Amino acid sequence: MQINWMATSAWAVLALGVGHILMGLLRFRQAFLETLRDGLVGQFHHNDTRRVGFWFTIFGPLLMLVGHLAVNAARAGDLHLFSIIGGYLIPIALLGVIAWPRSPFWAALIVGGVLLAVGQGWLA
């Protein structure tokens, strides 16, 4: 079976975004429920758990946006855009791995590497 690295890596970025949202909602469920109970507006700046939960979860739609760009780039065969996405994802994930070695940032680092490799024509 031949792996379509372009499509697989594009969908993987989208899946990372969905995973971020789901994990954020599960992990910070109590903080979000308290935030809603307290009125939502202005409820994130005084509580570290709420703030971390917000930023962790809101990163998911941004990853999904990048994933959709990658999926469309895969459909169009736009290798240059793959290189750009991988070029951004790798240093972000690398910083995450350095700051938090036992974390899911490794998945983003691998996906970013595959995106860059596909974009450069190193992986077909």
N, C-alpha and C. Protein backbone atom coordinates (compact mmCIF):
# COMPACT_ATOMS: atom_id res chain seq x y z
N MET A 1 0.84 -1.19 0.00
CA MET A 1 0.00 0.00 0.00
C MET A 1 0.88 1.25 0.00
N GLN A 2 0.62 2.14 -0.90
CA GLN A 2 1.37 3.39 -1.04
C GLN A 2 0.71 4.49 -0.19
N ILE A 3 1.51 5.18 0.63
CA ILE A 3 0.98 6.28 1.45
C ILE A 3 1.02 7.57 0.64
N ASN A 4 -0.09 8.27 0.62
CA ASN A 4 -0.13 9.60 0.00
C ASN A 4 0.27 10.60 1.08
N TRP A 5 1.56 10.91 1.14
CA TRP A 5 2.09 11.76 2.20
C TRP A 5 1.49 13.15 2.18
N MET A 6 1.20 13.66 1.00
CA MET A 6 0.64 15.00 0.90
C MET A 6 -0.71 15.07 1.59
N ALA A 7 -1.62 14.17 1.22
CA ALA A 7 -2.96 14.18 1.82
C ALA A 7 -2.91 13.80 3.29
N THR A 8 -2.11 12.79 3.62
CA THR A 8 -2.04 12.32 5.01
C THR A 8 -1.54 13.41 5.95
N SER A 9 -0.48 14.10 5.56
CA SER A 9 0.06 15.15 6.43
C SER A 9 -0.88 16.34 6.52
N ALA A 10 -1.56 16.66 5.43
CA ALA A 10 -2.52 17.77 5.45
C ALA A 10 -3.66 17.48 6.42
N TRP A 11 -4.21 16.27 6.31
CA TRP A 11 -5.30 15.90 7.22
C TRP A 11 -4.82 15.75 8.66
N ALA A 12 -3.55 15.40 8.83
CA ALA A 12 -2.99 15.29 10.18
C ALA A 12 -2.97 16.63 10.89
N VAL A 13 -2.67 17.70 10.16
CA VAL A 13 -2.69 19.05 10.78
C VAL A 13 -4.11 19.39 11.21
N LEU A 14 -5.06 19.10 10.34
CA LEU A 14 -6.47 19.34 10.69
C LEU A 14 -6.86 18.53 11.92
N ALA A 15 -6.43 17.28 11.99
CA ALA A 15 -6.73 16.42 13.14
C ALA A 15 -6.08 16.95 14.42
N LEU A 16 -4.87 17.52 14.31
CA LEU A 16 -4.24 18.13 15.49
C LEU A 16 -5.11 19.27 16.03
N GLY A 17 -5.69 20.03 15.13
CA GLY A 17 -6.57 21.13 15.56
C GLY A 17 -7.82 20.63 16.26
N VAL A 18 -8.45 19.62 15.68
CA VAL A 18 -9.65 19.04 16.31
C VAL A 18 -9.28 18.46 17.67
N GLY A 19 -8.14 17.77 17.72
CA GLY A 19 -7.68 17.20 18.99
C GLY A 19 -7.43 18.25 20.05
N HIS A 20 -6.89 19.39 19.63
CA HIS A 20 -6.63 20.48 20.58
C HIS A 20 -7.94 20.99 21.18
N ILE A 21 -8.94 21.15 20.34
CA ILE A 21 -10.23 21.64 20.84
C ILE A 21 -10.85 20.62 21.79
N LEU A 22 -10.90 19.38 21.37
CA LEU A 22 -11.51 18.35 22.21
C LEU A 22 -10.77 18.19 23.53
N MET A 23 -9.45 18.13 23.47
CA MET A 23 -8.65 17.98 24.69
C MET A 23 -8.81 19.20 25.60
N GLY A 24 -8.84 20.38 25.00
CA GLY A 24 -9.02 21.60 25.79
C GLY A 24 -10.36 21.62 26.50
N LEU A 25 -11.41 21.23 25.78
CA LEU A 25 -12.74 21.22 26.39
C LEU A 25 -12.84 20.18 27.49
N LEU A 26 -12.18 19.04 27.31
CA LEU A 26 -12.20 18.01 28.35
C LEU A 26 -11.32 18.39 29.53
N ARG A 27 -10.09 18.77 29.24
CA ARG A 27 -9.11 19.07 30.30
C ARG A 27 -9.52 20.28 31.15
N PHE A 28 -10.08 21.29 30.49
CA PHE A 28 -10.42 22.54 31.19
C PHE A 28 -11.93 22.72 31.33
N ARG A 29 -12.65 21.60 31.29
CA ARG A 29 -14.12 21.64 31.36
C ARG A 29 -14.61 22.44 32.57
N GLN A 30 -14.06 22.14 33.74
CA GLN A 30 -14.50 22.83 34.95
C GLN A 30 -14.23 24.33 34.89
N ALA A 31 -13.05 24.68 34.40
CA ALA A 31 -12.70 26.11 34.29
C ALA A 31 -13.65 26.82 33.32
N PHE A 32 -13.97 26.16 32.20
CA PHE A 32 -14.89 26.77 31.24
C PHE A 32 -16.31 26.89 31.80
N LEU A 33 -16.74 25.86 32.52
CA LEU A 33 -18.08 25.93 33.13
C LEU A 33 -18.15 27.06 34.15
N GLU A 34 -17.10 27.22 34.96
CA GLU A 34 -17.06 28.32 35.92
C GLU A 34 -17.05 29.67 35.21
N THR A 35 -16.33 29.74 34.10
CA THR A 35 -16.27 30.98 33.32
C THR A 35 -17.64 31.35 32.79
N LEU A 36 -18.34 30.37 32.25
CA LEU A 36 -19.69 30.63 31.75
C LEU A 36 -20.63 31.04 32.88
N ARG A 37 -20.50 30.35 34.01
CA ARG A 37 -21.34 30.66 35.17
C ARG A 37 -21.09 32.10 35.65
N ASP A 38 -19.82 32.53 35.57
CA ASP A 38 -19.45 33.87 36.05
C ASP A 38 -19.67 34.96 35.02
N GLY A 39 -20.18 34.62 33.83
CA GLY A 39 -20.55 35.65 32.87
C GLY A 39 -19.66 35.77 31.64
N LEU A 40 -18.67 34.96 31.46
CA LEU A 40 -17.79 34.87 30.30
C LEU A 40 -16.92 36.12 30.07
N VAL A 41 -17.53 37.28 29.94
CA VAL A 41 -16.77 38.50 29.61
C VAL A 41 -15.81 38.86 30.74
N GLY A 42 -14.54 39.00 30.39
CA GLY A 42 -13.52 39.40 31.34
C GLY A 42 -13.16 38.35 32.37
N GLN A 43 -13.51 37.10 32.12
CA GLN A 43 -13.31 36.07 33.13
C GLN A 43 -12.00 35.29 32.99
N PHE A 44 -11.14 35.68 32.04
CA PHE A 44 -9.92 34.91 31.80
C PHE A 44 -8.66 35.58 32.34
N HIS A 45 -8.71 36.86 32.64
CA HIS A 45 -7.46 37.55 32.99
C HIS A 45 -7.03 37.40 34.44
N HIS A 46 -7.89 36.96 35.33
CA HIS A 46 -7.51 36.84 36.74
C HIS A 46 -7.26 35.40 37.19
N ASN A 47 -7.50 34.46 36.32
CA ASN A 47 -7.40 33.06 36.71
C ASN A 47 -6.48 32.32 35.73
N ASP A 48 -5.37 31.82 36.23
CA ASP A 48 -4.38 31.17 35.36
C ASP A 48 -4.94 29.92 34.67
N THR A 49 -5.71 29.12 35.36
CA THR A 49 -6.27 27.91 34.76
C THR A 49 -7.20 28.27 33.62
N ARG A 50 -8.03 29.25 33.80
CA ARG A 50 -8.94 29.68 32.74
C ARG A 50 -8.16 30.23 31.55
N ARG A 51 -7.13 31.02 31.84
CA ARG A 51 -6.32 31.62 30.78
C ARG A 51 -5.60 30.53 29.96
N VAL A 52 -4.99 29.58 30.65
CA VAL A 52 -4.30 28.48 29.95
C VAL A 52 -5.30 27.67 29.14
N GLY A 53 -6.45 27.38 29.73
CA GLY A 53 -7.48 26.63 29.02
C GLY A 53 -7.95 27.35 27.77
N PHE A 54 -8.13 28.67 27.90
CA PHE A 54 -8.57 29.45 26.74
C PHE A 54 -7.54 29.38 25.62
N TRP A 55 -6.28 29.67 25.94
CA TRP A 55 -5.24 29.69 24.90
C TRP A 55 -4.98 28.31 24.32
N PHE A 56 -5.01 27.29 25.15
CA PHE A 56 -4.83 25.93 24.65
C PHE A 56 -5.94 25.59 23.67
N THR A 57 -7.17 25.87 24.04
CA THR A 57 -8.32 25.50 23.23
C THR A 57 -8.43 26.35 21.97
N ILE A 58 -8.16 27.64 22.08
CA ILE A 58 -8.30 28.53 20.93
C ILE A 58 -7.21 28.27 19.88
N PHE A 59 -6.13 27.59 20.28
CA PHE A 59 -5.10 27.21 19.32
C PHE A 59 -5.63 26.14 18.35
N GLY A 60 -6.63 25.39 18.76
CA GLY A 60 -7.22 24.35 17.92
C GLY A 60 -7.79 24.88 16.61
N PRO A 61 -8.65 25.91 16.64
CA PRO A 61 -9.16 26.44 15.37
C PRO A 61 -8.05 27.00 14.47
N LEU A 62 -7.00 27.54 15.07
CA LEU A 62 -5.89 28.02 14.24
C LEU A 62 -5.20 26.85 13.53
N LEU A 63 -5.00 25.75 14.25
CA LEU A 63 -4.43 24.55 13.62
C LEU A 63 -5.38 24.01 12.55
N MET A 64 -6.67 24.07 12.81
CA MET A 64 -7.63 23.62 11.81
C MET A 64 -7.56 24.49 10.56
N LEU A 65 -7.41 25.79 10.73
CA LEU A 65 -7.27 26.70 9.60
C LEU A 65 -6.06 26.30 8.76
N VAL A 66 -4.94 26.08 9.42
CA VAL A 66 -3.72 25.67 8.71
C VAL A 66 -3.94 24.30 8.05
N GLY A 67 -4.64 23.42 8.73
CA GLY A 67 -4.96 22.12 8.16
C GLY A 67 -5.80 22.24 6.89
N HIS A 68 -6.78 23.13 6.92
CA HIS A 68 -7.60 23.34 5.72
C HIS A 68 -6.76 23.92 4.58
N LEU A 69 -5.85 24.82 4.91
CA LEU A 69 -4.93 25.34 3.88
C LEU A 69 -4.10 24.20 3.29
N ALA A 70 -3.60 23.33 4.16
CA ALA A 70 -2.80 22.20 3.69
C ALA A 70 -3.62 21.24 2.85
N VAL A 71 -4.86 20.97 3.24
CA VAL A 71 -5.72 20.08 2.45
C VAL A 71 -5.96 20.68 1.06
N ASN A 72 -6.23 21.98 1.01
CA ASN A 72 -6.43 22.63 -0.29
C ASN A 72 -5.14 22.65 -1.10
N ALA A 73 -4.00 22.85 -0.43
CA ALA A 73 -2.71 22.81 -1.12
C ALA A 73 -2.47 21.41 -1.68
N ALA A 74 -2.86 20.38 -0.94
CA ALA A 74 -2.70 19.01 -1.43
C ALA A 74 -3.55 18.78 -2.67
N ARG A 75 -4.77 19.27 -2.63
CA ARG A 75 -5.65 19.10 -3.79
C ARG A 75 -5.12 19.83 -5.02
N ALA A 76 -4.49 20.99 -4.79
CA ALA A 76 -3.95 21.79 -5.89
C ALA A 76 -2.53 21.38 -6.27
N GLY A 77 -1.91 20.52 -5.46
CA GLY A 77 -0.53 20.13 -5.71
C GLY A 77 0.46 21.26 -5.45
N ASP A 78 0.11 22.16 -4.53
CA ASP A 78 0.93 23.33 -4.22
C ASP A 78 2.04 22.96 -3.22
N LEU A 79 3.17 22.53 -3.72
CA LEU A 79 4.28 22.12 -2.87
C LEU A 79 4.89 23.30 -2.12
N HIS A 80 4.87 24.47 -2.73
CA HIS A 80 5.43 25.64 -2.07
C HIS A 80 4.68 25.95 -0.77
N LEU A 81 3.36 25.88 -0.81
CA LEU A 81 2.58 26.14 0.40
C LEU A 81 2.85 25.08 1.47
N PHE A 82 3.06 23.85 1.05
CA PHE A 82 3.43 22.80 2.00
C PHE A 82 4.73 23.15 2.71
N SER A 83 5.71 23.62 1.94
CA SER A 83 6.99 24.02 2.54
C SER A 83 6.80 25.16 3.54
N ILE A 84 5.96 26.11 3.20
CA ILE A 84 5.71 27.25 4.09
C ILE A 84 5.06 26.76 5.39
N ILE A 85 4.02 25.94 5.27
CA ILE A 85 3.34 25.44 6.47
C ILE A 85 4.30 24.63 7.34
N GLY A 86 5.04 23.73 6.74
CA GLY A 86 6.02 22.95 7.48
C GLY A 86 7.10 23.83 8.09
N GLY A 87 7.51 24.85 7.36
CA GLY A 87 8.52 25.79 7.85
C GLY A 87 8.07 26.58 9.07
N TYR A 88 6.79 26.81 9.20
CA TYR A 88 6.27 27.47 10.40
C TYR A 88 6.03 26.47 11.52
N LEU A 89 5.49 25.31 11.17
CA LEU A 89 5.11 24.33 12.19
C LEU A 89 6.33 23.73 12.90
N ILE A 90 7.41 23.50 12.17
CA ILE A 90 8.59 22.88 12.77
C ILE A 90 9.17 23.72 13.91
N PRO A 91 9.48 25.01 13.71
CA PRO A 91 10.06 25.76 14.85
C PRO A 91 9.09 25.93 16.03
N ILE A 92 7.80 26.06 15.74
CA ILE A 92 6.82 26.16 16.83
C ILE A 92 6.83 24.88 17.64
N ALA A 93 6.77 23.75 16.94
CA ALA A 93 6.76 22.45 17.63
C ALA A 93 8.09 22.19 18.32
N LEU A 94 9.19 22.59 17.70
CA LEU A 94 10.50 22.40 18.31
C LEU A 94 10.62 23.18 19.62
N LEU A 95 10.14 24.41 19.63
CA LEU A 95 10.12 25.18 20.88
C LEU A 95 9.25 24.49 21.92
N GLY A 96 8.12 23.95 21.49
CA GLY A 96 7.25 23.22 22.41
C GLY A 96 7.93 21.99 22.99
N VAL A 97 8.65 21.26 22.15
CA VAL A 97 9.36 20.06 22.62
C VAL A 97 10.46 20.44 23.59
N ILE A 98 11.18 21.52 23.31
CA ILE A 98 12.25 21.98 24.21
C ILE A 98 11.67 22.41 25.55
N ALA A 99 10.57 23.16 25.50
CA ALA A 99 9.96 23.67 26.73
C ALA A 99 9.25 22.57 27.52
N TRP A 100 8.73 21.59 26.82
CA TRP A 100 7.92 20.55 27.45
C TRP A 100 8.20 19.23 26.74
N PRO A 101 9.33 18.59 27.06
CA PRO A 101 9.77 17.39 26.33
C PRO A 101 8.78 16.23 26.32
N ARG A 102 8.06 16.04 27.40
CA ARG A 102 7.10 14.93 27.45
C ARG A 102 5.71 15.47 27.11
N SER A 103 5.56 15.89 25.85
CA SER A 103 4.32 16.53 25.44
C SER A 103 3.90 16.05 24.05
N PRO A 104 2.70 16.40 23.64
CA PRO A 104 2.23 16.07 22.29
C PRO A 104 2.88 16.93 21.19
N PHE A 105 3.75 17.87 21.57
CA PHE A 105 4.41 18.68 20.54
C PHE A 105 5.21 17.81 19.58
N TRP A 106 5.59 16.60 20.01
CA TRP A 106 6.31 15.69 19.13
C TRP A 106 5.48 15.37 17.89
N ALA A 107 4.18 15.23 18.05
CA ALA A 107 3.31 14.94 16.90
C ALA A 107 3.36 16.08 15.89
N ALA A 108 3.30 17.31 16.37
CA ALA A 108 3.37 18.47 15.47
C ALA A 108 4.73 18.56 14.81
N LEU A 109 5.78 18.20 15.52
CA LEU A 109 7.12 18.21 14.95
C LEU A 109 7.23 17.20 13.81
N ILE A 110 6.69 16.02 14.01
CA ILE A 110 6.71 15.00 12.96
C ILE A 110 5.88 15.44 11.76
N VAL A 111 4.68 15.93 12.01
CA VAL A 111 3.81 16.37 10.92
C VAL A 111 4.46 17.53 10.17
N GLY A 112 5.04 18.47 10.90
CA GLY A 112 5.73 19.59 10.24
C GLY A 112 6.88 19.12 9.38
N GLY A 113 7.62 18.13 9.88
CA GLY A 113 8.72 17.56 9.10
C GLY A 113 8.24 16.91 7.82
N VAL A 114 7.13 16.17 7.92
CA VAL A 114 6.57 15.54 6.72
C VAL A 114 6.08 16.60 5.74
N LEU A 115 5.41 17.64 6.24
CA LEU A 115 4.95 18.72 5.36
C LEU A 115 6.13 19.35 4.61
N LEU A 116 7.19 19.65 5.33
CA LEU A 116 8.36 20.25 4.70
C LEU A 116 8.99 19.28 3.71
N ALA A 117 9.11 18.02 4.08
CA ALA A 117 9.70 17.02 3.18
C ALA A 117 8.89 16.87 1.90
N VAL A 118 7.57 16.87 2.02
CA VAL A 118 6.71 16.80 0.83
C VAL A 118 6.88 18.06 0.00
N GLY A 119 6.86 19.20 0.66
CA GLY A 119 6.98 20.48 -0.05
C GLY A 119 8.30 20.62 -0.80
N GLN A 120 9.36 20.03 -0.27
CA GLN A 120 10.66 20.10 -0.90
C GLN A 120 10.88 18.99 -1.93
N GLY A 121 9.92 18.08 -2.01
CA GLY A 121 10.03 16.98 -2.95
C GLY A 121 10.89 15.82 -2.44
N TRP A 122 11.22 15.83 -1.15
CA TRP A 122 12.02 14.76 -0.56
C TRP A 122 11.18 13.52 -0.27
N LEU A 123 9.87 13.72 -0.16
CA LEU A 123 8.95 12.63 0.16
C LEU A 123 7.77 12.75 -0.81
N ALA A 124 7.51 11.70 -1.54
CA ALA A 124 6.44 11.77 -2.55
C ALA A 124 5.18 11.09 -2.06
